[in-house]
Structure formats: structure tokens, C-alpha cells
Amino acid sequence: MEVRIGVKHVSREVVIESSQKPDEVQKIVSAALAGEKVLELADEKGRRVVVPVEAVGYVEIGVEEAGRVGFGSY
């Protein structure tokens, strides 16, 4: 699942591929915005992305991908 984080005053988004469920990511983001100082998420390879909460412009949480069928499925 793809997660996009818009950072204030930065033209590029931070994009990670997460193996977490959308509801889990939403809870992490909500908790961070409610009182934490940083938003911390992990990608599929175990790398961590840490963004100061005051710099977060938006967070776009994608949907889980269903299994693909056909020749283009990798």
C-alpha cells in the first residue's frame, strides 16, 4: 500500500510502500497529530521515515492492492 506525506514548504512528497493495513497507518497518523512530536512510519523493507508533525501538510493513505491477474502481474 502506498502512503504519501506532503511536507510543508517542500515541493516533493515523501512516498513509502507500507505493508501495514490502512487502518493501522491511519491510527499512527492520528496519534502523531494528536500529541506526538514526530510522525514515524516504516516501509516494506523496514526503513523508517520520520517527519516532524509541525511540517506535515497532509497524509494520503492508499488502498491495499488486491492480487493481480494476467501477464502484467509481478
PDB file of N, CA and C in Angstrom:
ATOM      1  N   MET A   1       0.839  -1.158   0.000  1.00  0.00           N
ATOM      2  CA  MET A   1       0.000   0.000   0.000  1.00  0.00           C
ATOM      3  C   MET A   1       0.895   1.234   0.000  1.00  0.00           C
ATOM      4  N   GLU A   2       0.504   2.225  -0.743  1.00  0.00           N
ATOM      5  CA  GLU A   2       1.289   3.443  -0.875  1.00  0.00           C
ATOM      6  C   GLU A   2       0.798   4.505   0.105  1.00  0.00           C
ATOM      7  N   VAL A   3       1.740   5.172   0.771  1.00  0.00           N
ATOM      8  CA  VAL A   3       1.432   6.271   1.681  1.00  0.00           C
ATOM      9  C   VAL A   3       2.216   7.481   1.196  1.00  0.00           C
ATOM     10  N   ARG A   4       1.512   8.594   0.986  1.00  0.00           N
ATOM     11  CA  ARG A   4       2.150   9.842   0.547  1.00  0.00           C
ATOM     12  C   ARG A   4       2.033  10.866   1.667  1.00  0.00           C
ATOM     13  N   ILE A   5       3.154  11.492   1.987  1.00  0.00           N
ATOM     14  CA  ILE A   5       3.183  12.510   3.026  1.00  0.00           C
ATOM     15  C   ILE A   5       3.613  13.817   2.383  1.00  0.00           C
ATOM     16  N   GLY A   6       2.739  14.801   2.461  1.00  0.00           N
ATOM     17  CA  GLY A   6       3.071  16.131   1.973  1.00  0.00           C
ATOM     18  C   GLY A   6       3.729  16.921   3.081  1.00  0.00           C
ATOM     19  N   VAL A   7       4.896  17.464   2.805  1.00  0.00           N
ATOM     20  CA  VAL A   7       5.650  18.230   3.794  1.00  0.00           C
ATOM     21  C   VAL A   7       5.543  19.709   3.434  1.00  0.00           C
ATOM     22  N   LYS A   8       5.209  20.533   4.429  1.00  0.00           N
ATOM     23  CA  LYS A   8       5.059  21.972   4.199  1.00  0.00           C
ATOM     24  C   LYS A   8       6.354  22.572   3.666  1.00  0.00           C
ATOM     25  N   HIS A   9       6.223  23.464   2.699  1.00  0.00           N
ATOM     26  CA  HIS A   9       7.335  24.215   2.108  1.00  0.00           C
ATOM     27  C   HIS A   9       8.324  23.327   1.358  1.00  0.00           C
ATOM     28  N   VAL A  10       7.896  22.122   0.974  1.00  0.00           N
ATOM     29  CA  VAL A  10       8.723  21.217   0.174  1.00  0.00           C
ATOM     30  C   VAL A  10       7.874  20.787  -1.020  1.00  0.00           C
ATOM     31  N   SER A  11       8.422  20.891  -2.211  1.00  0.00           N
ATOM     32  CA  SER A  11       7.625  20.605  -3.409  1.00  0.00           C
ATOM     33  C   SER A  11       7.420  19.116  -3.667  1.00  0.00           C
ATOM     34  N   ARG A  12       8.271  18.264  -3.128  1.00  0.00           N
ATOM     35  CA  ARG A  12       8.143  16.818  -3.353  1.00  0.00           C
ATOM     36  C   ARG A  12       7.478  16.149  -2.167  1.00  0.00           C
ATOM     37  N   GLU A  13       6.713  15.107  -2.472  1.00  0.00           N
ATOM     38  CA  GLU A  13       6.082  14.310  -1.425  1.00  0.00           C
ATOM     39  C   GLU A  13       7.039  13.225  -0.956  1.00  0.00           C
ATOM     40  N   VAL A  14       6.843  12.764   0.259  1.00  0.00           N
ATOM     41  CA  VAL A  14       7.541  11.587   0.756  1.00  0.00           C
ATOM     42  C   VAL A  14       6.605  10.419   0.473  1.00  0.00           C
ATOM     43  N   VAL A  15       7.067   9.431  -0.299  1.00  0.00           N
ATOM     44  CA  VAL A  15       6.237   8.301  -0.675  1.00  0.00           C
ATOM     45  C   VAL A  15       6.886   7.029  -0.167  1.00  0.00           C
ATOM     46  N   ILE A  16       6.099   6.215   0.553  1.00  0.00           N
ATOM     47  CA  ILE A  16       6.607   4.927   1.010  1.00  0.00           C
ATOM     48  C   ILE A  16       5.606   3.838   0.656  1.00  0.00           C
ATOM     49  N   GLU A  17       6.119   2.637   0.479  1.00  0.00           N
ATOM     50  CA  GLU A  17       5.299   1.447   0.296  1.00  0.00           C
ATOM     51  C   GLU A  17       5.262   0.733   1.639  1.00  0.00           C
ATOM     52  N   SER A  18       4.091   0.646   2.226  1.00  0.00           N
ATOM     53  CA  SER A  18       3.950   0.060   3.548  1.00  0.00           C
ATOM     54  C   SER A  18       3.216  -1.267   3.466  1.00  0.00           C
ATOM     55  N   SER A  19       3.619  -2.209   4.317  1.00  0.00           N
ATOM     56  CA  SER A  19       2.924  -3.489   4.384  1.00  0.00           C
ATOM     57  C   SER A  19       1.842  -3.477   5.453  1.00  0.00           C
ATOM     58  N   GLN A  20       1.696  -2.336   6.144  1.00  0.00           N
ATOM     59  CA  GLN A  20       0.668  -2.209   7.168  1.00  0.00           C
ATOM     60  C   GLN A  20      -0.701  -2.009   6.534  1.00  0.00           C
ATOM     61  N   LYS A  21      -1.735  -2.313   7.296  1.00  0.00           N
ATOM     62  CA  LYS A  21      -3.111  -2.103   6.845  1.00  0.00           C
ATOM     63  C   LYS A  21      -3.420  -0.605   6.885  1.00  0.00           C
ATOM     64  N   PRO A  22      -4.327  -0.130   6.006  1.00  0.00           N
ATOM     65  CA  PRO A  22      -4.689   1.295   6.004  1.00  0.00           C
ATOM     66  C   PRO A  22      -5.183   1.786   7.363  1.00  0.00           C
ATOM     67  N   ASP A  23      -5.951   0.967   8.080  1.00  0.00           N
ATOM     68  CA  ASP A  23      -6.446   1.378   9.394  1.00  0.00           C
ATOM     69  C   ASP A  23      -5.308   1.565  10.391  1.00  0.00           C
ATOM     70  N   GLU A  24      -4.273   0.712  10.314  1.00  0.00           N
ATOM     71  CA  GLU A  24      -3.118   0.835  11.204  1.00  0.00           C
ATOM     72  C   GLU A  24      -2.375   2.144  10.936  1.00  0.00           C
ATOM     73  N   VAL A  25      -2.173   2.453   9.660  1.00  0.00           N
ATOM     74  CA  VAL A  25      -1.477   3.682   9.284  1.00  0.00           C
ATOM     75  C   VAL A  25      -2.290   4.889   9.744  1.00  0.00           C
ATOM     76  N   GLN A  26      -3.598   4.834   9.576  1.00  0.00           N
ATOM     77  CA  GLN A  26      -4.457   5.944   9.983  1.00  0.00           C
ATOM     78  C   GLN A  26      -4.380   6.171  11.486  1.00  0.00           C
ATOM     79  N   LYS A  27      -4.326   5.115  12.270  1.00  0.00           N
ATOM     80  CA  LYS A  27      -4.208   5.249  13.726  1.00  0.00           C
ATOM     81  C   LYS A  27      -2.865   5.867  14.117  1.00  0.00           C
ATOM     82  N   ILE A  28      -1.792   5.446  13.448  1.00  0.00           N
ATOM     83  CA  ILE A  28      -0.459   6.008  13.721  1.00  0.00           C
ATOM     84  C   ILE A  28      -0.438   7.500  13.400  1.00  0.00           C
ATOM     85  N   VAL A  29      -1.001   7.877  12.254  1.00  0.00           N
ATOM     86  CA  VAL A  29      -1.024   9.282  11.829  1.00  0.00           C
ATOM     87  C   VAL A  29      -1.875  10.102  12.799  1.00  0.00           C
ATOM     88  N   SER A  30      -3.044   9.598  13.155  1.00  0.00           N
ATOM     89  CA  SER A  30      -3.930  10.326  14.071  1.00  0.00           C
ATOM     90  C   SER A  30      -3.286  10.523  15.436  1.00  0.00           C
ATOM     91  N   ALA A  31      -2.624   9.490  15.946  1.00  0.00           N
ATOM     92  CA  ALA A  31      -1.957   9.593  17.244  1.00  0.00           C
ATOM     93  C   ALA A  31      -0.831  10.619  17.192  1.00  0.00           C
ATOM     94  N   ALA A  32      -0.080  10.622  16.090  1.00  0.00           N
ATOM     95  CA  ALA A  32       1.021  11.577  15.953  1.00  0.00           C
ATOM     96  C   ALA A  32       0.495  13.006  15.904  1.00  0.00           C
ATOM     97  N   LEU A  33      -0.568  13.222  15.148  1.00  0.00           N
ATOM     98  CA  LEU A  33      -1.120  14.567  15.025  1.00  0.00           C
ATOM     99  C   LEU A  33      -1.798  15.028  16.308  1.00  0.00           C
ATOM    100  N   ALA A  34      -2.239  14.082  17.139  1.00  0.00           N
ATOM    101  CA  ALA A  34      -2.937  14.432  18.376  1.00  0.00           C
ATOM    102  C   ALA A  34      -1.998  14.878  19.488  1.00  0.00           C
ATOM    103  N   GLY A  35      -0.725  14.545  19.413  1.00  0.00           N
ATOM    104  CA  GLY A  35       0.112  14.972  20.514  1.00  0.00           C
ATOM    105  C   GLY A  35       1.574  14.587  20.427  1.00  0.00           C
ATOM    106  N   GLU A  36       1.946  13.823  19.436  1.00  0.00           N
ATOM    107  CA  GLU A  36       3.348  13.435  19.296  1.00  0.00           C
ATOM    108  C   GLU A  36       4.122  14.566  18.626  1.00  0.00           C
ATOM    109  N   LYS A  37       5.433  14.486  18.678  1.00  0.00           N
ATOM    110  CA  LYS A  37       6.277  15.487  18.023  1.00  0.00           C
ATOM    111  C   LYS A  37       6.704  15.054  16.631  1.00  0.00           C
ATOM    112  N   VAL A  38       6.648  13.724  16.373  1.00  0.00           N
ATOM    113  CA  VAL A  38       7.049  13.219  15.058  1.00  0.00           C
ATOM    114  C   VAL A  38       6.044  12.181  14.563  1.00  0.00           C
ATOM    115  N   LEU A  39       5.960  12.080  13.245  1.00  0.00           N
ATOM    116  CA  LEU A  39       5.208  11.023  12.585  1.00  0.00           C
ATOM    117  C   LEU A  39       6.237  10.025  12.094  1.00  0.00           C
ATOM    118  N   GLU A  40       6.131   8.792  12.532  1.00  0.00           N
ATOM    119  CA  GLU A  40       7.107   7.765  12.164  1.00  0.00           C
ATOM    120  C   GLU A  40       6.382   6.587  11.537  1.00  0.00           C
ATOM    121  N   LEU A  41       6.768   6.250  10.311  1.00  0.00           N
ATOM    122  CA  LEU A  41       6.208   5.110   9.594  1.00  0.00           C
ATOM    123  C   LEU A  41       7.339   4.247   9.061  1.00  0.00           C
ATOM    124  N   ALA A  42       7.078   2.958   8.890  1.00  0.00           N
ATOM    125  CA  ALA A  42       8.067   2.024   8.345  1.00  0.00           C
ATOM    126  C   ALA A  42       7.599   1.553   6.976  1.00  0.00           C
ATOM    127  N   ASP A  43       8.559   1.355   6.058  1.00  0.00           N
ATOM    128  CA  ASP A  43       8.208   0.843   4.738  1.00  0.00           C
ATOM    129  C   ASP A  43       8.338  -0.676   4.712  1.00  0.00           C
ATOM    130  N   GLU A  44       8.106  -1.264   3.550  1.00  0.00           N
ATOM    131  CA  GLU A  44       8.132  -2.721   3.397  1.00  0.00           C
ATOM    132  C   GLU A  44       9.500  -3.326   3.680  1.00  0.00           C
ATOM    133  N   LYS A  45      10.558  -2.561   3.496  1.00  0.00           N
ATOM    134  CA  LYS A  45      11.918  -3.073   3.695  1.00  0.00           C
ATOM    135  C   LYS A  45      12.446  -2.792   5.096  1.00  0.00           C
ATOM    136  N   GLY A  46      11.593  -2.249   5.972  1.00  0.00           N
ATOM    137  CA  GLY A  46      11.992  -1.987   7.341  1.00  0.00           C
ATOM    138  C   GLY A  46      12.616  -0.632   7.583  1.00  0.00           C
ATOM    139  N   ARG A  47      12.757   0.176   6.540  1.00  0.00           N
ATOM    140  CA  ARG A  47      13.294   1.528   6.716  1.00  0.00           C
ATOM    141  C   ARG A  47      12.240   2.401   7.388  1.00  0.00           C
ATOM    142  N   ARG A  48      12.668   3.350   8.181  1.00  0.00           N
ATOM    143  CA  ARG A  48      11.747   4.226   8.900  1.00  0.00           C
ATOM    144  C   ARG A  48      11.819   5.638   8.325  1.00  0.00           C
ATOM    145  N   VAL A  49      10.638   6.242   8.215  1.00  0.00           N
ATOM    146  CA  VAL A  49      10.533   7.626   7.769  1.00  0.00           C
ATOM    147  C   VAL A  49       9.997   8.419   8.953  1.00  0.00           C
ATOM    148  N   VAL A  50      10.729   9.466   9.338  1.00  0.00           N
ATOM    149  CA  VAL A  50      10.343  10.289  10.478  1.00  0.00           C
ATOM    150  C   VAL A  50      10.174  11.724   9.988  1.00  0.00           C
ATOM    151  N   VAL A  51       8.981  12.289  10.225  1.00  0.00           N
ATOM    152  CA  VAL A  51       8.678  13.651   9.800  1.00  0.00           C
ATOM    153  C   VAL A  51       8.166  14.420  11.019  1.00  0.00           C
ATOM    154  N   PRO A  52       8.708  15.600  11.297  1.00  0.00           N
ATOM    155  CA  PRO A  52       8.173  16.399  12.401  1.00  0.00           C
ATOM    156  C   PRO A  52       6.699  16.733  12.140  1.00  0.00           C
ATOM    157  N   VAL A  53       5.866  16.591  13.153  1.00  0.00           N
ATOM    158  CA  VAL A  53       4.425  16.788  12.984  1.00  0.00           C
ATOM    159  C   VAL A  53       4.100  18.192  12.491  1.00  0.00           C
ATOM    160  N   GLU A  54       4.826  19.194  12.965  1.00  0.00           N
ATOM    161  CA  GLU A  54       4.517  20.561  12.534  1.00  0.00           C
ATOM    162  C   GLU A  54       4.825  20.788  11.056  1.00  0.00           C
ATOM    163  N   ALA A  55       5.567  19.887  10.409  1.00  0.00           N
ATOM    164  CA  ALA A  55       5.892  20.016   8.992  1.00  0.00           C
ATOM    165  C   ALA A  55       4.935  19.226   8.097  1.00  0.00           C
ATOM    166  N   VAL A  56       4.045  18.417   8.680  1.00  0.00           N
ATOM    167  CA  VAL A  56       3.139  17.584   7.882  1.00  0.00           C
ATOM    168  C   VAL A  56       2.032  18.459   7.306  1.00  0.00           C
ATOM    169  N   GLY A  57       1.913  18.429   5.979  1.00  0.00           N
ATOM    170  CA  GLY A  57       0.844  19.148   5.300  1.00  0.00           C
ATOM    171  C   GLY A  57      -0.371  18.263   5.116  1.00  0.00           C
ATOM    172  N   TYR A  58      -0.137  17.029   4.700  1.00  0.00           N
ATOM    173  CA  TYR A  58      -1.207  16.049   4.519  1.00  0.00           C
ATOM    174  C   TYR A  58      -0.614  14.658   4.469  1.00  0.00           C
ATOM    175  N   VAL A  59      -1.465  13.658   4.679  1.00  0.00           N
ATOM    176  CA  VAL A  59      -1.077  12.260   4.538  1.00  0.00           C
ATOM    177  C   VAL A  59      -2.154  11.577   3.711  1.00  0.00           C
ATOM    178  N   GLU A  60      -1.747  10.989   2.599  1.00  0.00           N
ATOM    179  CA  GLU A  60      -2.667  10.261   1.717  1.00  0.00           C
ATOM    180  C   GLU A  60      -2.386   8.774   1.867  1.00  0.00           C
ATOM    181  N   ILE A  61      -3.396   8.052   2.330  1.00  0.00           N
ATOM    182  CA  ILE A  61      -3.248   6.619   2.563  1.00  0.00           C
ATOM    183  C   ILE A  61      -3.936   5.883   1.431  1.00  0.00           C
ATOM    184  N   GLY A  62      -3.167   5.093   0.671  1.00  0.00           N
ATOM    185  CA  GLY A  62      -3.723   4.343  -0.441  1.00  0.00           C
ATOM    186  C   GLY A  62      -4.482   3.119   0.029  1.00  0.00           C
ATOM    187  N   VAL A  63      -5.059   2.418  -0.910  1.00  0.00           N
ATOM    188  CA  VAL A  63      -5.781   1.191  -0.597  1.00  0.00           C
ATOM    189  C   VAL A  63      -4.858   0.003  -0.788  1.00  0.00           C
ATOM    190  N   GLU A  64      -5.178  -1.078  -0.095  1.00  0.00           N
ATOM    191  CA  GLU A  64      -4.401  -2.298  -0.262  1.00  0.00           C
ATOM    192  C   GLU A  64      -4.625  -2.823  -1.673  1.00  0.00           C
ATOM    193  N   GLU A  65      -3.555  -3.302  -2.290  1.00  0.00           N
ATOM    194  CA  GLU A  65      -3.667  -3.844  -3.636  1.00  0.00           C
ATOM    195  C   GLU A  65      -4.129  -5.285  -3.573  1.00  0.00           C
ATOM    196  N   ALA A  66      -5.115  -5.596  -4.376  1.00  0.00           N
ATOM    197  CA  ALA A  66      -5.553  -6.979  -4.487  1.00  0.00           C
ATOM    198  C   ALA A  66      -4.585  -7.721  -5.399  1.00  0.00           C
ATOM    199  N   GLY A  67      -4.587  -9.027  -5.340  1.00  0.00           N
ATOM    200  CA  GLY A  67      -3.705  -9.799  -6.208  1.00  0.00           C
ATOM    201  C   GLY A  67      -4.008  -9.532  -7.666  1.00  0.00           C
ATOM    202  N   ARG A  68      -2.987  -9.345  -8.436  1.00  0.00           N
ATOM    203  CA  ARG A  68      -3.170  -9.053  -9.861  1.00  0.00           C
ATOM    204  C   ARG A  68      -3.247 -10.348 -10.643  1.00  0.00           C
ATOM    205  N   VAL A  69      -3.988 -10.286 -11.736  1.00  0.00           N
ATOM    206  CA  VAL A  69      -4.150 -11.445 -12.599  1.00  0.00           C
ATOM    207  C   VAL A  69      -3.714 -11.058 -13.995  1.00  0.00           C
ATOM    208  N   GLY A  70      -3.006 -11.960 -14.671  1.00  0.00           N
ATOM    209  CA  GLY A  70      -2.622 -11.701 -16.048  1.00  0.00           C
ATOM    210  C   GLY A  70      -1.127 -11.620 -16.229  1.00  0.00           C
ATOM    211  N   PHE A  71      -0.742 -11.216 -17.428  1.00  0.00           N
ATOM    212  CA  PHE A  71       0.680 -11.189 -17.772  1.00  0.00           C
ATOM    213  C   PHE A  71       1.432 -10.054 -17.071  1.00  0.00           C
ATOM    214  N   GLY A  72       0.751  -8.985 -16.703  1.00  0.00           N
ATOM    215  CA  GLY A  72       1.409  -7.836 -16.081  1.00  0.00           C
ATOM    216  C   GLY A  72       1.563  -7.958 -14.587  1.00  0.00           C
ATOM    217  N   SER A  73       1.277  -9.109 -13.993  1.00  0.00           N
ATOM    218  CA  SER A  73       1.354  -9.222 -12.525  1.00  0.00           C
ATOM    219  C   SER A  73       2.747  -9.615 -12.097  1.00  0.00           C
ATOM    220  N   TYR A  74       3.403  -8.729 -11.394  1.00  0.00           N
ATOM    221  CA  TYR A  74       4.698  -9.052 -10.831  1.00  0.00           C
ATOM    222  C   TYR A  74       4.687  -8.756  -9.392  1.00  0.00           C
TER     223      TYR A  74
END
